[in-house]
Amino acid sequence: MLIHVAWGAVYGFAAALQPGPFQTYLITRTLRNGWRHTLPAVFAPLLSDGPIIALVVSTLHQMPAWWLQILRFVGGLFVLYLAFGVLHAYRHADDGSWAPEPPARQGVLRAALVNVLNPGPYVYWSLVMGPLLLAGWRDAPVKGVGLLAGFYVTMVISLAGILLLCAGVEQFGTKVTRRLFGLSGIALALLGGYQIWSGVMAWWHGM
């Protein structure tokens, strides 16, 4: 179970630092209204991801084993793509060009809506977290629960940390942001490579 908690924590940390509409919403709201008013919005994924996970996992559950192996391989490629995007943000963190235009939404429910309407969570759970959750749950339900716990606890804490960094941006500058992007990019690259390797090995042993 501990290894599944660790996997969930690493993916949760990477997901929190992945540039996108939801993260941009949190950053923008923090800069405008302060971190105290924005902090409850970090729990928005707990509201929005439930239906996404149910939809994705119920679909994956009906797929044959070889299709899950393909998804694992494609998911590894997708993680490498995310790593490229984060490392690109790492290179351009000094000029602030890593973030898209901020959405004009406020509140926890609106933050959840931003997340629901963003295709990122669907793709992420379809290609990355979904197969991991299903594999862990089939082995032992406690492993699936551990994966989810590690993912969301780490993501919420990381999002809260982002808000605090944004609140003190004048003091910390962009060096801390660049280091976080760099750490997340390296973690994603390693996880993507491992997922591709495990997918290839599963396919090889299944031949």
N, C-alpha and C. Protein backbone atom coordinates (compact mmCIF):
# COMPACT_ATOMS: atom_id res chain seq x y z
N MET A 1 0.83 -1.21 0.00
CA MET A 1 0.00 0.00 0.00
C MET A 1 0.86 1.26 0.00
N LEU A 2 1.98 1.23 0.73
CA LEU A 2 2.81 2.42 0.84
C LEU A 2 3.33 2.87 -0.51
N ILE A 3 3.67 1.91 -1.38
CA ILE A 3 4.17 2.30 -2.70
C ILE A 3 3.09 2.98 -3.51
N HIS A 4 1.83 2.57 -3.33
CA HIS A 4 0.72 3.22 -4.04
C HIS A 4 0.46 4.62 -3.48
N VAL A 5 0.61 4.78 -2.17
CA VAL A 5 0.50 6.12 -1.59
C VAL A 5 1.59 7.02 -2.14
N ALA A 6 2.81 6.47 -2.27
CA ALA A 6 3.93 7.25 -2.80
C ALA A 6 3.69 7.62 -4.26
N TRP A 7 3.20 6.68 -5.06
CA TRP A 7 2.89 6.99 -6.46
C TRP A 7 1.84 8.09 -6.54
N GLY A 8 0.78 7.95 -5.73
CA GLY A 8 -0.26 8.97 -5.73
C GLY A 8 0.28 10.33 -5.32
N ALA A 9 1.19 10.35 -4.34
CA ALA A 9 1.76 11.62 -3.89
C ALA A 9 2.58 12.28 -4.99
N VAL A 10 3.38 11.49 -5.70
CA VAL A 10 4.21 12.06 -6.77
C VAL A 10 3.33 12.61 -7.89
N TYR A 11 2.33 11.83 -8.30
CA TYR A 11 1.44 12.29 -9.36
C TYR A 11 0.59 13.48 -8.89
N GLY A 12 0.21 13.51 -7.62
CA GLY A 12 -0.54 14.64 -7.10
C GLY A 12 0.28 15.91 -7.09
N PHE A 13 1.55 15.78 -6.73
CA PHE A 13 2.45 16.93 -6.74
C PHE A 13 2.63 17.46 -8.16
N ALA A 14 2.83 16.54 -9.11
CA ALA A 14 3.00 16.94 -10.49
C ALA A 14 1.73 17.57 -11.06
N ALA A 15 0.56 17.00 -10.70
CA ALA A 15 -0.70 17.54 -11.20
C ALA A 15 -0.95 18.95 -10.66
N ALA A 16 -0.57 19.20 -9.42
CA ALA A 16 -0.77 20.53 -8.83
C ALA A 16 0.07 21.57 -9.53
N LEU A 17 1.26 21.19 -10.01
CA LEU A 17 2.16 22.15 -10.64
C LEU A 17 2.01 22.21 -12.15
N GLN A 18 1.09 21.40 -12.70
CA GLN A 18 0.89 21.41 -14.14
C GLN A 18 0.14 22.68 -14.56
N PRO A 19 0.75 23.55 -15.37
CA PRO A 19 0.06 24.78 -15.77
C PRO A 19 -1.24 24.47 -16.51
N GLY A 20 -2.29 25.17 -16.17
CA GLY A 20 -3.58 24.95 -16.79
C GLY A 20 -4.59 25.96 -16.29
N PRO A 21 -5.83 25.88 -16.78
CA PRO A 21 -6.87 26.85 -16.39
C PRO A 21 -7.14 26.87 -14.89
N PHE A 22 -7.17 25.70 -14.25
CA PHE A 22 -7.49 25.66 -12.83
C PHE A 22 -6.39 26.32 -12.00
N GLN A 23 -5.13 25.97 -12.29
CA GLN A 23 -4.03 26.59 -11.56
C GLN A 23 -3.97 28.09 -11.81
N THR A 24 -4.24 28.48 -13.04
CA THR A 24 -4.23 29.90 -13.36
C THR A 24 -5.33 30.65 -12.62
N TYR A 25 -6.48 30.00 -12.49
CA TYR A 25 -7.58 30.59 -11.72
C TYR A 25 -7.16 30.83 -10.27
N LEU A 26 -6.52 29.84 -9.67
CA LEU A 26 -6.09 29.98 -8.28
C LEU A 26 -5.06 31.09 -8.14
N ILE A 27 -4.11 31.14 -9.06
CA ILE A 27 -3.06 32.16 -8.99
C ILE A 27 -3.66 33.54 -9.16
N THR A 28 -4.55 33.68 -10.13
CA THR A 28 -5.15 34.98 -10.39
C THR A 28 -5.99 35.45 -9.20
N ARG A 29 -6.77 34.54 -8.64
CA ARG A 29 -7.61 34.90 -7.49
C ARG A 29 -6.75 35.26 -6.29
N THR A 30 -5.63 34.57 -6.12
CA THR A 30 -4.73 34.88 -5.01
C THR A 30 -4.14 36.26 -5.17
N LEU A 31 -3.69 36.59 -6.36
CA LEU A 31 -3.08 37.89 -6.61
C LEU A 31 -4.11 39.02 -6.44
N ARG A 32 -5.37 38.72 -6.73
CA ARG A 32 -6.40 39.75 -6.64
C ARG A 32 -7.01 39.86 -5.25
N ASN A 33 -7.29 38.71 -4.62
CA ASN A 33 -8.05 38.71 -3.37
C ASN A 33 -7.27 38.24 -2.15
N GLY A 34 -6.05 37.76 -2.34
CA GLY A 34 -5.27 37.26 -1.22
C GLY A 34 -5.45 35.76 -1.04
N TRP A 35 -4.47 35.12 -0.38
CA TRP A 35 -4.50 33.66 -0.27
C TRP A 35 -5.58 33.18 0.69
N ARG A 36 -5.95 33.97 1.70
CA ARG A 36 -6.96 33.53 2.65
C ARG A 36 -8.31 33.33 1.99
N HIS A 37 -8.67 34.23 1.07
CA HIS A 37 -9.95 34.11 0.37
C HIS A 37 -9.92 33.03 -0.70
N THR A 38 -8.73 32.68 -1.15
CA THR A 38 -8.60 31.72 -2.24
C THR A 38 -8.39 30.30 -1.73
N LEU A 39 -7.89 30.14 -0.52
CA LEU A 39 -7.51 28.83 -0.01
C LEU A 39 -8.62 27.77 -0.12
N PRO A 40 -9.89 28.08 0.19
CA PRO A 40 -10.92 27.02 0.05
C PRO A 40 -11.03 26.45 -1.36
N ALA A 41 -10.63 27.21 -2.36
CA ALA A 41 -10.77 26.75 -3.74
C ALA A 41 -9.84 25.59 -4.07
N VAL A 42 -8.80 25.35 -3.26
CA VAL A 42 -7.90 24.23 -3.54
C VAL A 42 -8.60 22.90 -3.35
N PHE A 43 -9.75 22.90 -2.65
CA PHE A 43 -10.51 21.67 -2.45
C PHE A 43 -11.50 21.40 -3.58
N ALA A 44 -11.54 22.28 -4.58
CA ALA A 44 -12.48 22.12 -5.68
C ALA A 44 -12.33 20.78 -6.41
N PRO A 45 -11.11 20.25 -6.64
CA PRO A 45 -11.02 18.94 -7.31
C PRO A 45 -11.72 17.83 -6.56
N LEU A 46 -11.86 17.93 -5.23
CA LEU A 46 -12.58 16.91 -4.49
C LEU A 46 -14.05 16.89 -4.87
N LEU A 47 -14.57 18.03 -5.34
CA LEU A 47 -15.96 18.09 -5.78
C LEU A 47 -16.11 17.68 -7.24
N SER A 48 -15.15 18.08 -8.06
CA SER A 48 -15.31 17.90 -9.51
C SER A 48 -14.77 16.57 -10.02
N ASP A 49 -13.80 15.98 -9.33
CA ASP A 49 -13.14 14.79 -9.87
C ASP A 49 -13.93 13.50 -9.64
N GLY A 50 -14.86 13.50 -8.68
CA GLY A 50 -15.63 12.28 -8.41
C GLY A 50 -16.34 11.74 -9.64
N PRO A 51 -17.17 12.55 -10.32
CA PRO A 51 -17.83 12.06 -11.53
C PRO A 51 -16.84 11.68 -12.63
N ILE A 52 -15.74 12.43 -12.73
CA ILE A 52 -14.73 12.12 -13.75
C ILE A 52 -14.13 10.75 -13.50
N ILE A 53 -13.75 10.49 -12.23
CA ILE A 53 -13.14 9.20 -11.89
C ILE A 53 -14.13 8.06 -12.12
N ALA A 54 -15.39 8.26 -11.70
CA ALA A 54 -16.40 7.21 -11.86
C ALA A 54 -16.61 6.87 -13.34
N LEU A 55 -16.66 7.90 -14.18
CA LEU A 55 -16.87 7.69 -15.60
C LEU A 55 -15.69 6.96 -16.22
N VAL A 56 -14.49 7.43 -15.91
CA VAL A 56 -13.29 6.85 -16.51
C VAL A 56 -13.06 5.43 -16.04
N VAL A 57 -13.15 5.21 -14.73
CA VAL A 57 -12.86 3.87 -14.19
C VAL A 57 -13.92 2.86 -14.63
N SER A 58 -15.18 3.27 -14.68
CA SER A 58 -16.22 2.34 -15.12
C SER A 58 -16.01 1.93 -16.57
N THR A 59 -15.46 2.83 -17.37
CA THR A 59 -15.16 2.49 -18.76
C THR A 59 -13.94 1.58 -18.85
N LEU A 60 -12.90 1.90 -18.06
CA LEU A 60 -11.70 1.08 -18.08
C LEU A 60 -11.98 -0.32 -17.56
N HIS A 61 -12.92 -0.45 -16.63
CA HIS A 61 -13.21 -1.75 -16.03
C HIS A 61 -13.71 -2.75 -17.06
N GLN A 62 -14.32 -2.29 -18.14
CA GLN A 62 -14.86 -3.16 -19.16
C GLN A 62 -13.84 -3.47 -20.26
N MET A 63 -12.67 -2.90 -20.17
CA MET A 63 -11.66 -3.10 -21.19
C MET A 63 -10.83 -4.35 -20.92
N PRO A 64 -10.37 -5.04 -21.96
CA PRO A 64 -9.51 -6.21 -21.75
C PRO A 64 -8.14 -5.80 -21.24
N ALA A 65 -7.38 -6.77 -20.74
CA ALA A 65 -6.09 -6.49 -20.13
C ALA A 65 -5.12 -5.88 -21.13
N TRP A 66 -5.16 -6.35 -22.39
CA TRP A 66 -4.20 -5.82 -23.37
C TRP A 66 -4.47 -4.34 -23.66
N TRP A 67 -5.72 -3.92 -23.54
CA TRP A 67 -6.03 -2.51 -23.78
C TRP A 67 -5.48 -1.64 -22.65
N LEU A 68 -5.51 -2.16 -21.43
CA LEU A 68 -4.93 -1.42 -20.31
C LEU A 68 -3.42 -1.27 -20.48
N GLN A 69 -2.78 -2.29 -21.06
CA GLN A 69 -1.35 -2.19 -21.34
C GLN A 69 -1.07 -1.10 -22.36
N ILE A 70 -1.92 -1.01 -23.37
CA ILE A 70 -1.77 0.05 -24.37
C ILE A 70 -1.98 1.42 -23.72
N LEU A 71 -3.00 1.51 -22.86
CA LEU A 71 -3.26 2.77 -22.17
C LEU A 71 -2.07 3.16 -21.29
N ARG A 72 -1.46 2.18 -20.66
CA ARG A 72 -0.30 2.47 -19.82
C ARG A 72 0.84 3.03 -20.65
N PHE A 73 1.05 2.45 -21.82
CA PHE A 73 2.11 2.94 -22.70
C PHE A 73 1.80 4.34 -23.21
N VAL A 74 0.55 4.54 -23.69
CA VAL A 74 0.15 5.85 -24.19
C VAL A 74 0.17 6.87 -23.05
N GLY A 75 -0.23 6.43 -21.85
CA GLY A 75 -0.18 7.32 -20.70
C GLY A 75 1.22 7.77 -20.38
N GLY A 76 2.20 6.86 -20.55
CA GLY A 76 3.59 7.24 -20.35
C GLY A 76 4.02 8.32 -21.33
N LEU A 77 3.59 8.17 -22.59
CA LEU A 77 3.89 9.20 -23.59
C LEU A 77 3.25 10.53 -23.21
N PHE A 78 2.01 10.45 -22.69
CA PHE A 78 1.32 11.67 -22.28
C PHE A 78 2.03 12.33 -21.12
N VAL A 79 2.53 11.54 -20.17
CA VAL A 79 3.26 12.09 -19.04
C VAL A 79 4.54 12.77 -19.53
N LEU A 80 5.21 12.17 -20.50
CA LEU A 80 6.40 12.81 -21.07
C LEU A 80 6.03 14.13 -21.74
N TYR A 81 4.87 14.16 -22.38
CA TYR A 81 4.39 15.41 -22.98
C TYR A 81 4.15 16.47 -21.90
N LEU A 82 3.57 16.05 -20.77
CA LEU A 82 3.37 16.98 -19.67
C LEU A 82 4.71 17.46 -19.12
N ALA A 83 5.67 16.55 -19.05
CA ALA A 83 6.99 16.93 -18.57
C ALA A 83 7.62 17.99 -19.48
N PHE A 84 7.43 17.83 -20.78
CA PHE A 84 7.94 18.83 -21.72
C PHE A 84 7.30 20.19 -21.47
N GLY A 85 5.97 20.19 -21.22
CA GLY A 85 5.28 21.46 -20.96
C GLY A 85 5.74 22.12 -19.68
N VAL A 86 5.97 21.31 -18.64
CA VAL A 86 6.42 21.88 -17.37
C VAL A 86 7.84 22.41 -17.49
N LEU A 87 8.70 21.67 -18.19
CA LEU A 87 10.08 22.13 -18.37
C LEU A 87 10.13 23.39 -19.24
N HIS A 88 9.18 23.49 -20.18
CA HIS A 88 9.07 24.73 -20.96
C HIS A 88 8.68 25.89 -20.04
N ALA A 89 7.74 25.61 -19.11
CA ALA A 89 7.37 26.64 -18.14
C ALA A 89 8.57 26.99 -17.25
N TYR A 90 9.38 25.99 -16.94
CA TYR A 90 10.59 26.23 -16.14
C TYR A 90 11.53 27.20 -16.85
N ARG A 91 11.64 27.07 -18.15
CA ARG A 91 12.53 27.95 -18.91
C ARG A 91 11.99 29.36 -18.99
N HIS A 92 10.66 29.51 -18.96
CA HIS A 92 10.05 30.83 -19.17
C HIS A 92 9.40 31.38 -17.89
N ALA A 93 9.75 30.79 -16.73
CA ALA A 93 9.13 31.26 -15.49
C ALA A 93 9.54 32.68 -15.16
N ASP A 94 10.70 33.12 -15.61
CA ASP A 94 11.17 34.46 -15.27
C ASP A 94 10.31 35.54 -15.89
N ASP A 95 9.79 35.28 -17.11
CA ASP A 95 8.99 36.31 -17.77
C ASP A 95 7.49 36.11 -17.58
N GLY A 96 7.10 35.02 -16.84
CA GLY A 96 5.69 34.80 -16.54
C GLY A 96 4.87 34.31 -17.72
N SER A 97 5.51 33.90 -18.82
CA SER A 97 4.76 33.49 -20.01
C SER A 97 4.27 32.06 -19.94
N TRP A 98 4.50 31.36 -18.80
CA TRP A 98 4.07 29.97 -18.69
C TRP A 98 2.56 29.84 -18.50
N ALA A 99 1.88 30.88 -18.00
CA ALA A 99 0.47 30.78 -17.67
C ALA A 99 -0.41 31.30 -18.79
N PRO A 100 -1.55 30.63 -19.09
CA PRO A 100 -2.51 31.16 -20.04
C PRO A 100 -3.29 32.32 -19.45
N GLU A 101 -4.18 32.88 -20.26
CA GLU A 101 -4.99 34.00 -19.78
C GLU A 101 -5.86 33.54 -18.62
N PRO A 102 -5.93 34.31 -17.54
CA PRO A 102 -6.70 33.87 -16.36
C PRO A 102 -8.19 33.90 -16.61
N PRO A 103 -8.91 32.85 -16.18
CA PRO A 103 -10.37 32.84 -16.32
C PRO A 103 -11.01 33.74 -15.28
N ALA A 104 -12.13 34.33 -15.63
CA ALA A 104 -12.83 35.26 -14.72
C ALA A 104 -13.90 34.50 -13.95
N ARG A 105 -13.49 33.66 -13.00
CA ARG A 105 -14.43 32.91 -12.16
C ARG A 105 -14.00 33.05 -10.71
N GLN A 106 -14.93 32.94 -9.81
CA GLN A 106 -14.64 33.08 -8.39
C GLN A 106 -15.39 32.01 -7.61
N GLY A 107 -14.86 31.69 -6.44
CA GLY A 107 -15.52 30.77 -5.53
C GLY A 107 -15.14 29.32 -5.76
N VAL A 108 -15.41 28.50 -4.77
CA VAL A 108 -15.06 27.08 -4.84
C VAL A 108 -15.86 26.38 -5.93
N LEU A 109 -17.16 26.63 -6.01
CA LEU A 109 -17.98 25.97 -7.02
C LEU A 109 -17.55 26.37 -8.43
N ARG A 110 -17.19 27.62 -8.60
CA ARG A 110 -16.73 28.05 -9.92
C ARG A 110 -15.36 27.48 -10.22
N ALA A 111 -14.54 27.32 -9.19
CA ALA A 111 -13.25 26.66 -9.39
C ALA A 111 -13.46 25.22 -9.81
N ALA A 112 -14.45 24.54 -9.20
CA ALA A 112 -14.77 23.17 -9.59
C ALA A 112 -15.26 23.12 -11.03
N LEU A 113 -16.03 24.13 -11.43
CA LEU A 113 -16.52 24.19 -12.80
C LEU A 113 -15.37 24.36 -13.77
N VAL A 114 -14.40 25.18 -13.42
CA VAL A 114 -13.21 25.33 -14.25
C VAL A 114 -12.54 23.97 -14.45
N ASN A 115 -12.46 23.19 -13.39
CA ASN A 115 -11.81 21.88 -13.47
C ASN A 115 -12.62 20.89 -14.30
N VAL A 116 -13.95 20.92 -14.15
CA VAL A 116 -14.81 20.01 -14.89
C VAL A 116 -14.76 20.30 -16.39
N LEU A 117 -14.75 21.57 -16.74
CA LEU A 117 -14.75 21.95 -18.15
C LEU A 117 -13.37 21.87 -18.79
N ASN A 118 -12.38 21.61 -17.98
CA ASN A 118 -11.02 21.46 -18.51
C ASN A 118 -10.80 20.01 -18.94
N PRO A 119 -10.39 19.75 -20.18
CA PRO A 119 -10.19 18.36 -20.62
C PRO A 119 -9.03 17.67 -19.92
N GLY A 120 -8.17 18.43 -19.27
CA GLY A 120 -6.99 17.85 -18.64
C GLY A 120 -7.30 16.72 -17.68
N PRO A 121 -8.23 16.91 -16.69
CA PRO A 121 -8.51 15.82 -15.76
C PRO A 121 -9.02 14.54 -16.44
N TYR A 122 -9.82 14.68 -17.50
CA TYR A 122 -10.33 13.50 -18.19
C TYR A 122 -9.19 12.73 -18.84
N VAL A 123 -8.31 13.47 -19.51
CA VAL A 123 -7.17 12.82 -20.16
C VAL A 123 -6.23 12.22 -19.11
N TYR A 124 -6.00 12.97 -18.04
CA TYR A 124 -5.06 12.53 -17.00
C TYR A 124 -5.56 11.24 -16.34
N TRP A 125 -6.87 11.21 -16.02
CA TRP A 125 -7.40 10.02 -15.37
C TRP A 125 -7.58 8.86 -16.36
N SER A 126 -7.78 9.17 -17.63
CA SER A 126 -7.92 8.10 -18.62
C SER A 126 -6.59 7.43 -18.93
N LEU A 127 -5.54 8.23 -19.05
CA LEU A 127 -4.26 7.71 -19.52
C LEU A 127 -3.27 7.42 -18.40
N VAL A 128 -3.41 8.07 -17.26
CA VAL A 128 -2.38 7.95 -16.22
C VAL A 128 -2.96 7.33 -14.94
N MET A 129 -3.79 8.09 -14.23
CA MET A 129 -4.24 7.67 -12.91
C MET A 129 -5.29 6.54 -12.98
N GLY A 130 -6.13 6.55 -14.01
CA GLY A 130 -7.17 5.53 -14.11
C GLY A 130 -6.62 4.12 -14.15
N PRO A 131 -5.71 3.81 -15.09
CA PRO A 131 -5.13 2.46 -15.11
C PRO A 131 -4.41 2.09 -13.81
N LEU A 132 -3.72 3.06 -13.20
CA LEU A 132 -3.03 2.78 -11.93
C LEU A 132 -4.04 2.47 -10.83
N LEU A 133 -5.12 3.25 -10.77
CA LEU A 133 -6.15 3.03 -9.76
C LEU A 133 -6.82 1.68 -9.95
N LEU A 134 -7.15 1.34 -11.18
CA LEU A 134 -7.83 0.08 -11.46
C LEU A 134 -6.93 -1.11 -11.16
N ALA A 135 -5.65 -1.00 -11.52
CA ALA A 135 -4.71 -2.09 -11.25
C ALA A 135 -4.53 -2.29 -9.74
N GLY A 136 -4.38 -1.19 -9.01
CA GLY A 136 -4.23 -1.29 -7.57
C GLY A 136 -5.48 -1.84 -6.90
N TRP A 137 -6.66 -1.39 -7.37
CA TRP A 137 -7.91 -1.84 -6.77
C TRP A 137 -8.14 -3.32 -7.02
N ARG A 138 -7.78 -3.80 -8.22
CA ARG A 138 -7.94 -5.22 -8.52
C ARG A 138 -7.02 -6.06 -7.65
N ASP A 139 -5.84 -5.56 -7.36
CA ASP A 139 -4.91 -6.29 -6.50
C ASP A 139 -5.39 -6.30 -5.06
N ALA A 140 -5.77 -5.14 -4.56
CA ALA A 140 -6.32 -5.00 -3.21
C ALA A 140 -6.95 -3.62 -3.11
N PRO A 141 -8.23 -3.53 -2.71
CA PRO A 141 -8.90 -2.23 -2.64
C PRO A 141 -8.15 -1.20 -1.83
N VAL A 142 -7.45 -1.63 -0.77
CA VAL A 142 -6.73 -0.68 0.07
C VAL A 142 -5.63 0.02 -0.73
N LYS A 143 -5.09 -0.65 -1.76
CA LYS A 143 -4.06 -0.02 -2.58
C LYS A 143 -4.66 1.11 -3.43
N GLY A 144 -5.88 0.87 -3.94
CA GLY A 144 -6.55 1.93 -4.68
C GLY A 144 -6.88 3.12 -3.80
N VAL A 145 -7.33 2.83 -2.58
CA VAL A 145 -7.63 3.91 -1.64
C VAL A 145 -6.35 4.67 -1.29
N GLY A 146 -5.25 3.95 -1.10
CA GLY A 146 -3.98 4.60 -0.80
C GLY A 146 -3.51 5.49 -1.93
N LEU A 147 -3.71 5.04 -3.17
CA LEU A 147 -3.34 5.85 -4.33
C LEU A 147 -4.13 7.15 -4.36
N LEU A 148 -5.44 7.05 -4.14
CA LEU A 148 -6.29 8.25 -4.13
C LEU A 148 -5.92 9.17 -2.98
N ALA A 149 -5.68 8.60 -1.80
CA ALA A 149 -5.33 9.42 -0.64
C ALA A 149 -4.03 10.16 -0.88
N GLY A 150 -3.01 9.45 -1.36
CA GLY A 150 -1.73 10.09 -1.63
C GLY A 150 -1.85 11.17 -2.69
N PHE A 151 -2.67 10.92 -3.71
CA PHE A 151 -2.84 11.88 -4.79
C PHE A 151 -3.49 13.17 -4.32
N TYR A 152 -4.64 13.05 -3.65
CA TYR A 152 -5.41 14.25 -3.31
C TYR A 152 -4.84 15.00 -2.12
N VAL A 153 -4.31 14.29 -1.14
CA VAL A 153 -3.69 14.99 -0.01
C VAL A 153 -2.50 15.82 -0.50
N THR A 154 -1.66 15.20 -1.33
CA THR A 154 -0.49 15.91 -1.84
C THR A 154 -0.89 17.05 -2.77
N MET A 155 -1.90 16.82 -3.61
CA MET A 155 -2.31 17.87 -4.54
C MET A 155 -2.88 19.07 -3.81
N VAL A 156 -3.72 18.83 -2.80
CA VAL A 156 -4.31 19.94 -2.05
C VAL A 156 -3.23 20.73 -1.32
N ILE A 157 -2.29 20.01 -0.68
CA ILE A 157 -1.20 20.69 0.03
C ILE A 157 -0.33 21.47 -0.95
N SER A 158 -0.06 20.89 -2.11
CA SER A 158 0.78 21.57 -3.10
C SER A 158 0.09 22.80 -3.66
N LEU A 159 -1.23 22.69 -3.91
CA LEU A 159 -1.97 23.86 -4.39
C LEU A 159 -1.98 24.97 -3.34
N ALA A 160 -2.14 24.58 -2.07
CA ALA A 160 -2.09 25.58 -1.00
C ALA A 160 -0.71 26.23 -0.95
N GLY A 161 0.34 25.44 -1.18
CA GLY A 161 1.69 25.99 -1.21
C GLY A 161 1.87 26.98 -2.35
N ILE A 162 1.25 26.67 -3.50
CA ILE A 162 1.33 27.59 -4.64
C ILE A 162 0.69 28.93 -4.28
N LEU A 163 -0.44 28.87 -3.59
CA LEU A 163 -1.11 30.12 -3.19
C LEU A 163 -0.21 30.94 -2.28
N LEU A 164 0.46 30.28 -1.34
CA LEU A 164 1.34 30.99 -0.42
C LEU A 164 2.53 31.58 -1.17
N LEU A 165 3.04 30.85 -2.15
CA LEU A 165 4.15 31.38 -2.94
C LEU A 165 3.70 32.61 -3.74
N CYS A 166 2.49 32.52 -4.29
CA CYS A 166 1.98 33.66 -5.06
C CYS A 166 1.74 34.86 -4.14
N ALA A 167 1.28 34.58 -2.92
CA ALA A 167 1.04 35.68 -1.98
C ALA A 167 2.33 36.38 -1.62
N GLY A 168 3.44 35.65 -1.59
CA GLY A 168 4.72 36.25 -1.27
C GLY A 168 5.63 36.39 -2.46
N VAL A 169 5.02 36.55 -3.64
CA VAL A 169 5.81 36.59 -4.87
C VAL A 169 6.82 37.73 -4.87
N GLU A 170 6.48 38.82 -4.23
CA GLU A 170 7.40 39.95 -4.22
C GLU A 170 8.64 39.65 -3.38
N GLN A 171 8.48 38.77 -2.40
CA GLN A 171 9.61 38.42 -1.54
C GLN A 171 10.43 37.27 -2.14
N PHE A 172 9.73 36.26 -2.67
CA PHE A 172 10.44 35.09 -3.17
C PHE A 172 10.93 35.24 -4.60
N GLY A 173 10.25 36.05 -5.39
CA GLY A 173 10.62 36.20 -6.79
C GLY A 173 10.28 34.96 -7.59
N THR A 174 10.96 34.78 -8.72
CA THR A 174 10.66 33.67 -9.62
C THR A 174 11.58 32.48 -9.44
N LYS A 175 12.60 32.59 -8.61
CA LYS A 175 13.53 31.47 -8.45
C LYS A 175 12.84 30.25 -7.85
N VAL A 176 11.99 30.46 -6.84
CA VAL A 176 11.28 29.34 -6.22
C VAL A 176 10.34 28.70 -7.22
N THR A 177 9.63 29.52 -8.01
CA THR A 177 8.71 29.00 -9.01
C THR A 177 9.45 28.15 -10.03
N ARG A 178 10.60 28.64 -10.49
CA ARG A 178 11.38 27.90 -11.48
C ARG A 178 11.85 26.56 -10.91
N ARG A 179 12.25 26.55 -9.67
CA ARG A 179 12.72 25.31 -9.07
C ARG A 179 11.59 24.29 -8.94
N LEU A 180 10.39 24.77 -8.58
CA LEU A 180 9.25 23.86 -8.49
C LEU A 180 8.89 23.28 -9.85
N PHE A 181 8.90 24.13 -10.87
CA PHE A 181 8.64 23.64 -12.22
C PHE A 181 9.70 22.62 -12.64
N GLY A 182 10.96 22.92 -12.35
CA GLY A 182 12.03 22.00 -12.70
C GLY A 182 11.88 20.66 -12.01
N LEU A 183 11.56 20.68 -10.71
CA LEU A 183 11.37 19.45 -9.95
C LEU A 183 10.19 18.65 -10.49
N SER A 184 9.10 19.33 -10.78
CA SER A 184 7.93 18.65 -11.32
C SER A 184 8.22 18.06 -12.70
N GLY A 185 8.93 18.80 -13.55
CA GLY A 185 9.26 18.30 -14.88
C GLY A 185 10.12 17.06 -14.84
N ILE A 186 11.11 17.05 -13.96
CA ILE A 186 11.98 15.88 -13.83
C ILE A 186 11.18 14.68 -13.32
N ALA A 187 10.32 14.92 -12.31
CA ALA A 187 9.49 13.84 -11.77
C ALA A 187 8.58 13.26 -12.84
N LEU A 188 7.96 14.12 -13.65
CA LEU A 188 7.09 13.65 -14.72
C LEU A 188 7.86 12.84 -15.75
N ALA A 189 9.05 13.31 -16.12
CA ALA A 189 9.85 12.59 -17.11
C ALA A 189 10.21 11.19 -16.60
N LEU A 190 10.60 11.09 -15.34
CA LEU A 190 10.96 9.79 -14.78
C LEU A 190 9.74 8.87 -14.71
N LEU A 191 8.59 9.42 -14.28
CA LEU A 191 7.38 8.62 -14.19
C LEU A 191 6.91 8.18 -15.57
N GLY A 192 7.01 9.08 -16.55
CA GLY A 192 6.62 8.72 -17.91
C GLY A 192 7.48 7.61 -18.47
N GLY A 193 8.80 7.70 -18.26
CA GLY A 193 9.70 6.66 -18.72
C GLY A 193 9.41 5.33 -18.06
N TYR A 194 9.14 5.36 -16.76
CA TYR A 194 8.82 4.12 -16.05
C TYR A 194 7.51 3.51 -16.55
N GLN A 195 6.51 4.35 -16.81
CA GLN A 195 5.23 3.84 -17.26
C GLN A 195 5.34 3.22 -18.64
N ILE A 196 6.13 3.84 -19.52
CA ILE A 196 6.35 3.26 -20.85
C ILE A 196 7.07 1.92 -20.71
N TRP A 197 8.09 1.88 -19.88
CA TRP A 197 8.86 0.65 -19.68
C TRP A 197 7.96 -0.46 -19.12
N SER A 198 7.12 -0.15 -18.13
CA SER A 198 6.25 -1.17 -17.54
C SER A 198 5.21 -1.64 -18.54
N GLY A 199 4.71 -0.74 -19.40
CA GLY A 199 3.76 -1.14 -20.42
C GLY A 199 4.39 -2.07 -21.44
N VAL A 200 5.62 -1.77 -21.84
CA VAL A 200 6.32 -2.62 -22.80
C VAL A 200 6.62 -3.99 -22.19
N MET A 201 7.05 -3.99 -20.91
CA MET A 201 7.35 -5.27 -20.24
C MET A 201 6.10 -6.11 -20.09
N ALA A 202 4.96 -5.48 -19.74
CA ALA A 202 3.71 -6.23 -19.60
C ALA A 202 3.29 -6.83 -20.94
N TRP A 203 3.46 -6.07 -22.00
CA TRP A 203 3.13 -6.58 -23.33
C TRP A 203 4.07 -7.69 -23.74
N TRP A 204 5.36 -7.57 -23.41
CA TRP A 204 6.35 -8.56 -23.77
C TRP A 204 6.09 -9.90 -23.07
N HIS A 205 5.78 -9.82 -21.77
CA HIS A 205 5.54 -11.05 -21.01
C HIS A 205 4.19 -11.67 -21.37
N GLY A 206 3.29 -10.86 -21.95
CA GLY A 206 1.99 -11.39 -22.34
C GLY A 206 1.99 -12.06 -23.70
N MET A 207 3.10 -11.92 -24.43
CA MET A 207 3.18 -12.53 -25.75
C MET A 207 3.30 -14.07 -25.66
